[in-house]
């Protein structure tokens, strides 16, 4: 029997690099993996073909995205800053500074912060960028084979292994470079103001996560 195609939508800073690295080395007899770049959306996947993807809390996703781009994705990658990113990282040295500045009383700082939020890779994206809108996503739910959470990726990977039929002994990488993880010594603290600003900024993302819970997909 011909393996069914399974598409991996790669949402940035959700643990996708670690999962993709592992799956590339461990094929499934049931499915044929098709990996995509960050900009591939659900609408580009043919209806009827299965999809897997990972998610995480928008606040930690923001922090991870900020620092990943601050170091240009190094050491695993080396992706140059865009013009606005360059200005943003000269102005904002830590994630909390940018998050707080979204509602700064100083017009110039506020404008720079909003511009940064709209232009820094990973920071600027929303879940709906990959899934269109609620009506379309609900229509495609039958094609969703697996959704994993970055916060409990190892546990969710055990569930995915059963779905794919790959050996129990297979593990996700622990090497930080292969996992494309941020260093552990970064300043990840967010003040109440920063959290409030980000929760408002990523309100659409929280709505998406609520939809997943309502539909019992996570």
C-alpha atoms as a PDB file:
ATOM      1  CA  UNK A   1       0.000   0.000   0.000  1.00  0.00           C
ATOM      2  CA  UNK A   2       1.347   3.409  -1.003  1.00  0.00           C
ATOM      3  CA  UNK A   3       2.268   5.623   2.018  1.00  0.00           C
ATOM      4  CA  UNK A   4      -0.029   8.560   2.630  1.00  0.00           C
ATOM      5  CA  UNK A   5       1.534  12.011   2.359  1.00  0.00           C
ATOM      6  CA  UNK A   6       1.853  13.904   5.603  1.00  0.00           C
ATOM      7  CA  UNK A   7       2.753  17.604   5.526  1.00  0.00           C
ATOM      8  CA  UNK A   8       4.764  19.248   8.284  1.00  0.00           C
ATOM      9  CA  UNK A   9       3.877  22.936   8.564  1.00  0.00           C
ATOM     10  CA  UNK A  10       6.796  24.669  10.229  1.00  0.00           C
ATOM     11  CA  UNK A  11       5.608  27.445  12.527  1.00  0.00           C
ATOM     12  CA  UNK A  12       8.668  29.332  13.725  1.00  0.00           C
ATOM     13  CA  UNK A  13       9.974  28.936  17.282  1.00  0.00           C
ATOM     14  CA  UNK A  14       7.674  26.080  18.278  1.00  0.00           C
ATOM     15  CA  UNK A  15      10.219  23.247  18.317  1.00  0.00           C
ATOM     16  CA  UNK A  16       9.856  22.416  14.655  1.00  0.00           C
ATOM     17  CA  UNK A  17      13.550  22.156  13.889  1.00  0.00           C
ATOM     18  CA  UNK A  18      14.039  19.430  16.498  1.00  0.00           C
ATOM     19  CA  UNK A  19      11.049  17.466  15.232  1.00  0.00           C
ATOM     20  CA  UNK A  20      11.954  17.850  11.575  1.00  0.00           C
ATOM     21  CA  UNK A  21      15.552  16.765  12.233  1.00  0.00           C
ATOM     22  CA  UNK A  22      14.303  13.618  13.961  1.00  0.00           C
ATOM     23  CA  UNK A  23      11.684  12.699  11.374  1.00  0.00           C
ATOM     24  CA  UNK A  24      14.144  13.076   8.499  1.00  0.00           C
ATOM     25  CA  UNK A  25      16.175  10.255  10.054  1.00  0.00           C
ATOM     26  CA  UNK A  26      13.202   8.054  10.949  1.00  0.00           C
ATOM     27  CA  UNK A  27      10.853   7.206   8.117  1.00  0.00           C
ATOM     28  CA  UNK A  28       7.332   5.902   8.567  1.00  0.00           C
ATOM     29  CA  UNK A  29       5.853   2.941   6.706  1.00  0.00           C
ATOM     30  CA  UNK A  30       2.424   4.525   6.957  1.00  0.00           C
ATOM     31  CA  UNK A  31       3.274   8.039   5.805  1.00  0.00           C
ATOM     32  CA  UNK A  32       5.603   9.886   3.472  1.00  0.00           C
ATOM     33  CA  UNK A  33       6.814  13.099   5.063  1.00  0.00           C
ATOM     34  CA  UNK A  34       6.739  16.354   3.168  1.00  0.00           C
ATOM     35  CA  UNK A  35       8.603  19.162   4.917  1.00  0.00           C
ATOM     36  CA  UNK A  36       7.904  22.820   4.203  1.00  0.00           C
ATOM     37  CA  UNK A  37       9.516  26.180   4.770  1.00  0.00           C
ATOM     38  CA  UNK A  38       8.138  28.636   7.312  1.00  0.00           C
ATOM     39  CA  UNK A  39       5.976  30.439   4.734  1.00  0.00           C
ATOM     40  CA  UNK A  40       3.981  27.407   3.564  1.00  0.00           C
ATOM     41  CA  UNK A  41       0.343  27.627   4.691  1.00  0.00           C
ATOM     42  CA  UNK A  42      -2.493  25.156   5.153  1.00  0.00           C
ATOM     43  CA  UNK A  43      -4.162  26.425   1.965  1.00  0.00           C
ATOM     44  CA  UNK A  44      -1.149  25.217   0.003  1.00  0.00           C
ATOM     45  CA  UNK A  45      -1.683  21.671   1.262  1.00  0.00           C
ATOM     46  CA  UNK A  46      -4.119  19.709  -0.936  1.00  0.00           C
ATOM     47  CA  UNK A  47      -7.389  18.888   0.816  1.00  0.00           C
ATOM     48  CA  UNK A  48      -7.469  15.306   1.982  1.00  0.00           C
ATOM     49  CA  UNK A  49      -3.743  15.163   2.718  1.00  0.00           C
ATOM     50  CA  UNK A  50      -2.697  15.019   6.365  1.00  0.00           C
ATOM     51  CA  UNK A  51      -0.984  17.807   8.299  1.00  0.00           C
ATOM     52  CA  UNK A  52       1.065  18.011  11.490  1.00  0.00           C
ATOM     53  CA  UNK A  53       2.384  21.110  13.255  1.00  0.00           C
ATOM     54  CA  UNK A  54       3.567  22.438  16.612  1.00  0.00           C
ATOM     55  CA  UNK A  55       2.380  25.351  18.744  1.00  0.00           C
ATOM     56  CA  UNK A  56       3.440  27.145  21.930  1.00  0.00           C
ATOM     57  CA  UNK A  57       2.314  29.955  24.217  1.00  0.00           C
ATOM     58  CA  UNK A  58       2.532  33.287  22.324  1.00  0.00           C
ATOM     59  CA  UNK A  59       4.563  34.991  25.065  1.00  0.00           C
ATOM     60  CA  UNK A  60       7.353  32.420  25.139  1.00  0.00           C
ATOM     61  CA  UNK A  61       7.181  32.236  21.349  1.00  0.00           C
ATOM     62  CA  UNK A  62       7.774  36.005  21.264  1.00  0.00           C
ATOM     63  CA  UNK A  63      10.766  35.758  23.599  1.00  0.00           C
ATOM     64  CA  UNK A  64      12.286  32.898  21.628  1.00  0.00           C
ATOM     65  CA  UNK A  65      11.702  34.679  18.330  1.00  0.00           C
ATOM     66  CA  UNK A  66      13.202  37.950  19.583  1.00  0.00           C
ATOM     67  CA  UNK A  67      16.448  36.404  20.740  1.00  0.00           C
ATOM     68  CA  UNK A  68      16.711  34.033  17.794  1.00  0.00           C
ATOM     69  CA  UNK A  69      16.593  36.952  15.396  1.00  0.00           C
ATOM     70  CA  UNK A  70      18.825  39.073  17.605  1.00  0.00           C
ATOM     71  CA  UNK A  71      21.595  36.519  17.028  1.00  0.00           C
ATOM     72  CA  UNK A  72      20.535  36.085  13.375  1.00  0.00           C
ATOM     73  CA  UNK A  73      19.665  32.447  13.988  1.00  0.00           C
ATOM     74  CA  UNK A  74      23.263  31.562  14.817  1.00  0.00           C
ATOM     75  CA  UNK A  75      24.947  29.175  15.260  1.00  0.00           C
ATOM     76  CA  UNK A  76      22.714  26.792  13.284  1.00  0.00           C
ATOM     77  CA  UNK A  77      21.828  29.453  10.708  1.00  0.00           C
ATOM     78  CA  UNK A  78      23.089  32.890   9.731  1.00  0.00           C
ATOM     79  CA  UNK A  79      20.161  34.921   8.424  1.00  0.00           C
ATOM     80  CA  UNK A  80      20.946  38.612   7.965  1.00  0.00           C
ATOM     81  CA  UNK A  81      18.717  41.267   9.532  1.00  0.00           C
ATOM     82  CA  UNK A  82      16.342  43.271   7.445  1.00  0.00           C
ATOM     83  CA  UNK A  83      16.599  47.084   7.594  1.00  0.00           C
ATOM     84  CA  UNK A  84      13.921  47.430  10.271  1.00  0.00           C
ATOM     85  CA  UNK A  85      15.306  44.499  12.273  1.00  0.00           C
ATOM     86  CA  UNK A  86      18.709  46.183  12.337  1.00  0.00           C
ATOM     87  CA  UNK A  87      17.210  49.370  13.779  1.00  0.00           C
ATOM     88  CA  UNK A  88      15.093  47.412  16.228  1.00  0.00           C
ATOM     89  CA  UNK A  89      17.983  45.503  17.769  1.00  0.00           C
ATOM     90  CA  UNK A  90      20.009  48.675  18.147  1.00  0.00           C
ATOM     91  CA  UNK A  91      17.114  50.196  20.090  1.00  0.00           C
ATOM     92  CA  UNK A  92      15.848  47.191  22.063  1.00  0.00           C
ATOM     93  CA  UNK A  93      18.476  44.983  23.721  1.00  0.00           C
ATOM     94  CA  UNK A  94      16.173  42.603  25.615  1.00  0.00           C
ATOM     95  CA  UNK A  95      12.728  41.195  24.854  1.00  0.00           C
ATOM     96  CA  UNK A  96      11.063  42.969  27.778  1.00  0.00           C
ATOM     97  CA  UNK A  97      12.182  46.399  26.514  1.00  0.00           C
ATOM     98  CA  UNK A  98      10.417  45.851  23.211  1.00  0.00           C
ATOM     99  CA  UNK A  99       7.282  44.436  24.823  1.00  0.00           C
ATOM    100  CA  UNK A 100       6.986  47.348  27.257  1.00  0.00           C
ATOM    101  CA  UNK A 101       7.619  49.946  24.549  1.00  0.00           C
ATOM    102  CA  UNK A 102       4.494  48.920  22.629  1.00  0.00           C
ATOM    103  CA  UNK A 103       2.541  51.258  24.903  1.00  0.00           C
ATOM    104  CA  UNK A 104       5.328  53.771  25.595  1.00  0.00           C
ATOM    105  CA  UNK A 105       4.202  57.309  26.411  1.00  0.00           C
ATOM    106  CA  UNK A 106       7.005  58.538  24.184  1.00  0.00           C
ATOM    107  CA  UNK A 107       5.563  58.629  20.622  1.00  0.00           C
ATOM    108  CA  UNK A 108       8.875  57.887  18.874  1.00  0.00           C
ATOM    109  CA  UNK A 109       9.657  54.885  21.070  1.00  0.00           C
ATOM    110  CA  UNK A 110       6.127  53.539  20.688  1.00  0.00           C
ATOM    111  CA  UNK A 111       6.319  53.901  16.914  1.00  0.00           C
ATOM    112  CA  UNK A 112       9.701  52.137  16.812  1.00  0.00           C
ATOM    113  CA  UNK A 113       8.360  49.304  18.965  1.00  0.00           C
ATOM    114  CA  UNK A 114       5.269  48.757  16.844  1.00  0.00           C
ATOM    115  CA  UNK A 115       7.399  48.851  13.706  1.00  0.00           C
ATOM    116  CA  UNK A 116       9.729  46.274  15.242  1.00  0.00           C
ATOM    117  CA  UNK A 117       6.830  44.009  16.215  1.00  0.00           C
ATOM    118  CA  UNK A 118       5.582  44.130  12.646  1.00  0.00           C
ATOM    119  CA  UNK A 119       8.921  43.402  11.032  1.00  0.00           C
ATOM    120  CA  UNK A 120      11.065  41.104  13.190  1.00  0.00           C
ATOM    121  CA  UNK A 121      10.925  37.575  11.781  1.00  0.00           C
ATOM    122  CA  UNK A 122       9.037  35.145  14.061  1.00  0.00           C
ATOM    123  CA  UNK A 123       7.867  38.053  16.237  1.00  0.00           C
ATOM    124  CA  UNK A 124       5.692  39.478  13.461  1.00  0.00           C
ATOM    125  CA  UNK A 125       3.826  36.266  12.692  1.00  0.00           C
ATOM    126  CA  UNK A 126       0.456  35.051  13.966  1.00  0.00           C
ATOM    127  CA  UNK A 127      -0.965  31.532  13.870  1.00  0.00           C
ATOM    128  CA  UNK A 128      -3.653  32.601  11.446  1.00  0.00           C
ATOM    129  CA  UNK A 129      -0.916  33.442   8.931  1.00  0.00           C
ATOM    130  CA  UNK A 130      -0.660  29.665   8.456  1.00  0.00           C
ATOM    131  CA  UNK A 131      -4.328  28.751   8.801  1.00  0.00           C
ATOM    132  CA  UNK A 132      -6.290  31.531   7.146  1.00  0.00           C
ATOM    133  CA  UNK A 133      -9.386  32.044   9.261  1.00  0.00           C
ATOM    134  CA  UNK A 134     -11.584  30.114  11.658  1.00  0.00           C
ATOM    135  CA  UNK A 135     -14.076  28.992   9.038  1.00  0.00           C
ATOM    136  CA  UNK A 136     -11.385  27.614   6.758  1.00  0.00           C
ATOM    137  CA  UNK A 137      -9.468  25.953   9.580  1.00  0.00           C
ATOM    138  CA  UNK A 138     -12.576  24.178  10.869  1.00  0.00           C
ATOM    139  CA  UNK A 139     -13.211  22.925   7.345  1.00  0.00           C
ATOM    140  CA  UNK A 140      -9.722  21.407   7.300  1.00  0.00           C
ATOM    141  CA  UNK A 141      -9.817  19.800  10.765  1.00  0.00           C
ATOM    142  CA  UNK A 142     -10.277  16.298   9.245  1.00  0.00           C
ATOM    143  CA  UNK A 143      -6.844  16.760   7.655  1.00  0.00           C
ATOM    144  CA  UNK A 144      -5.116  17.608  10.951  1.00  0.00           C
ATOM    145  CA  UNK A 145      -3.314  14.447  12.033  1.00  0.00           C
ATOM    146  CA  UNK A 146      -1.292  15.799  14.950  1.00  0.00           C
ATOM    147  CA  UNK A 147      -0.693  18.992  16.911  1.00  0.00           C
ATOM    148  CA  UNK A 148       2.112  19.079  19.448  1.00  0.00           C
ATOM    149  CA  UNK A 149       2.951  21.646  22.110  1.00  0.00           C
ATOM    150  CA  UNK A 150       6.487  22.926  22.489  1.00  0.00           C
ATOM    151  CA  UNK A 151       6.008  23.047  26.250  1.00  0.00           C
ATOM    152  CA  UNK A 152       5.589  19.256  26.403  1.00  0.00           C
ATOM    153  CA  UNK A 153       7.211  18.241  23.158  1.00  0.00           C
ATOM    154  CA  UNK A 154       8.914  15.100  24.449  1.00  0.00           C
ATOM    155  CA  UNK A 155       5.616  13.757  25.783  1.00  0.00           C
ATOM    156  CA  UNK A 156       3.711  14.690  22.645  1.00  0.00           C
ATOM    157  CA  UNK A 157       6.436  13.103  20.513  1.00  0.00           C
ATOM    158  CA  UNK A 158       5.661   9.771  22.169  1.00  0.00           C
ATOM    159  CA  UNK A 159       2.109  10.130  20.880  1.00  0.00           C
ATOM    160  CA  UNK A 160       3.329  11.068  17.409  1.00  0.00           C
ATOM    161  CA  UNK A 161       5.608   8.017  17.252  1.00  0.00           C
ATOM    162  CA  UNK A 162       2.579   5.766  17.742  1.00  0.00           C
ATOM    163  CA  UNK A 163       0.696   7.590  14.988  1.00  0.00           C
ATOM    164  CA  UNK A 164       3.591   7.339  12.548  1.00  0.00           C
ATOM    165  CA  UNK A 165       4.643   3.854  13.579  1.00  0.00           C
ATOM    166  CA  UNK A 166       8.279   4.713  14.211  1.00  0.00           C
ATOM    167  CA  UNK A 167      10.360   2.887  16.880  1.00  0.00           C
ATOM    168  CA  UNK A 168       9.807   3.668  20.556  1.00  0.00           C
ATOM    169  CA  UNK A 169      13.550   4.117  21.054  1.00  0.00           C
ATOM    170  CA  UNK A 170      13.640   7.185  18.771  1.00  0.00           C
ATOM    171  CA  UNK A 171      14.246  10.385  20.726  1.00  0.00           C
ATOM    172  CA  UNK A 172      14.301  14.088  19.930  1.00  0.00           C
ATOM    173  CA  UNK A 173      17.771  15.677  19.780  1.00  0.00           C
ATOM    174  CA  UNK A 174      19.232  17.141  22.956  1.00  0.00           C
ATOM    175  CA  UNK A 175      21.973  19.101  21.219  1.00  0.00           C
ATOM    176  CA  UNK A 176      21.006  22.792  21.447  1.00  0.00           C
ATOM    177  CA  UNK A 177      22.372  23.605  17.985  1.00  0.00           C
ATOM    178  CA  UNK A 178      20.454  20.774  16.308  1.00  0.00           C
ATOM    179  CA  UNK A 179      17.351  21.842  18.224  1.00  0.00           C
ATOM    180  CA  UNK A 180      17.958  25.482  17.236  1.00  0.00           C
ATOM    181  CA  UNK A 181      17.389  26.548  20.842  1.00  0.00           C
ATOM    182  CA  UNK A 182      18.282  29.862  22.434  1.00  0.00           C
ATOM    183  CA  UNK A 183      21.077  29.960  25.028  1.00  0.00           C
ATOM    184  CA  UNK A 184      19.858  29.492  28.601  1.00  0.00           C
ATOM    185  CA  UNK A 185      21.433  32.673  29.994  1.00  0.00           C
ATOM    186  CA  UNK A 186      19.133  35.107  28.188  1.00  0.00           C
ATOM    187  CA  UNK A 187      16.944  37.607  30.008  1.00  0.00           C
ATOM    188  CA  UNK A 188      13.472  36.135  29.523  1.00  0.00           C
ATOM    189  CA  UNK A 189      11.745  38.111  32.286  1.00  0.00           C
ATOM    190  CA  UNK A 190       8.586  39.998  31.355  1.00  0.00           C
ATOM    191  CA  UNK A 191       7.011  42.674  33.541  1.00  0.00           C
ATOM    192  CA  UNK A 192       3.243  42.886  34.037  1.00  0.00           C
ATOM    193  CA  UNK A 193       3.122  45.701  31.493  1.00  0.00           C
ATOM    194  CA  UNK A 194       5.077  43.681  28.957  1.00  0.00           C
ATOM    195  CA  UNK A 195       2.839  40.639  29.436  1.00  0.00           C
ATOM    196  CA  UNK A 196      -0.309  42.738  29.136  1.00  0.00           C
ATOM    197  CA  UNK A 197       0.962  44.365  25.949  1.00  0.00           C
ATOM    198  CA  UNK A 198       1.888  41.039  24.389  1.00  0.00           C
ATOM    199  CA  UNK A 199      -1.370  39.361  25.368  1.00  0.00           C
ATOM    200  CA  UNK A 200      -3.207  42.172  23.613  1.00  0.00           C
ATOM    201  CA  UNK A 201      -0.873  42.096  20.602  1.00  0.00           C
ATOM    202  CA  UNK A 202      -1.236  38.346  20.180  1.00  0.00           C
ATOM    203  CA  UNK A 203      -4.941  38.214  21.050  1.00  0.00           C
ATOM    204  CA  UNK A 204      -5.628  36.462  17.735  1.00  0.00           C
ATOM    205  CA  UNK A 205      -3.160  33.748  18.648  1.00  0.00           C
ATOM    206  CA  UNK A 206      -4.889  33.111  21.951  1.00  0.00           C
ATOM    207  CA  UNK A 207      -8.168  32.861  20.070  1.00  0.00           C
ATOM    208  CA  UNK A 208      -6.598  30.224  17.837  1.00  0.00           C
ATOM    209  CA  UNK A 209      -5.365  28.224  20.833  1.00  0.00           C
ATOM    210  CA  UNK A 210      -8.822  28.467  22.398  1.00  0.00           C
ATOM    211  CA  UNK A 211     -10.316  27.067  19.206  1.00  0.00           C
ATOM    212  CA  UNK A 212      -7.916  24.122  19.322  1.00  0.00           C
ATOM    213  CA  UNK A 213      -8.951  23.393  22.912  1.00  0.00           C
ATOM    214  CA  UNK A 214     -12.648  23.786  22.127  1.00  0.00           C
ATOM    215  CA  UNK A 215     -12.310  21.313  19.264  1.00  0.00           C
ATOM    216  CA  UNK A 216     -10.267  19.008  21.526  1.00  0.00           C
ATOM    217  CA  UNK A 217      -7.282  19.111  19.193  1.00  0.00           C
ATOM    218  CA  UNK A 218      -4.885  19.826  22.048  1.00  0.00           C
END
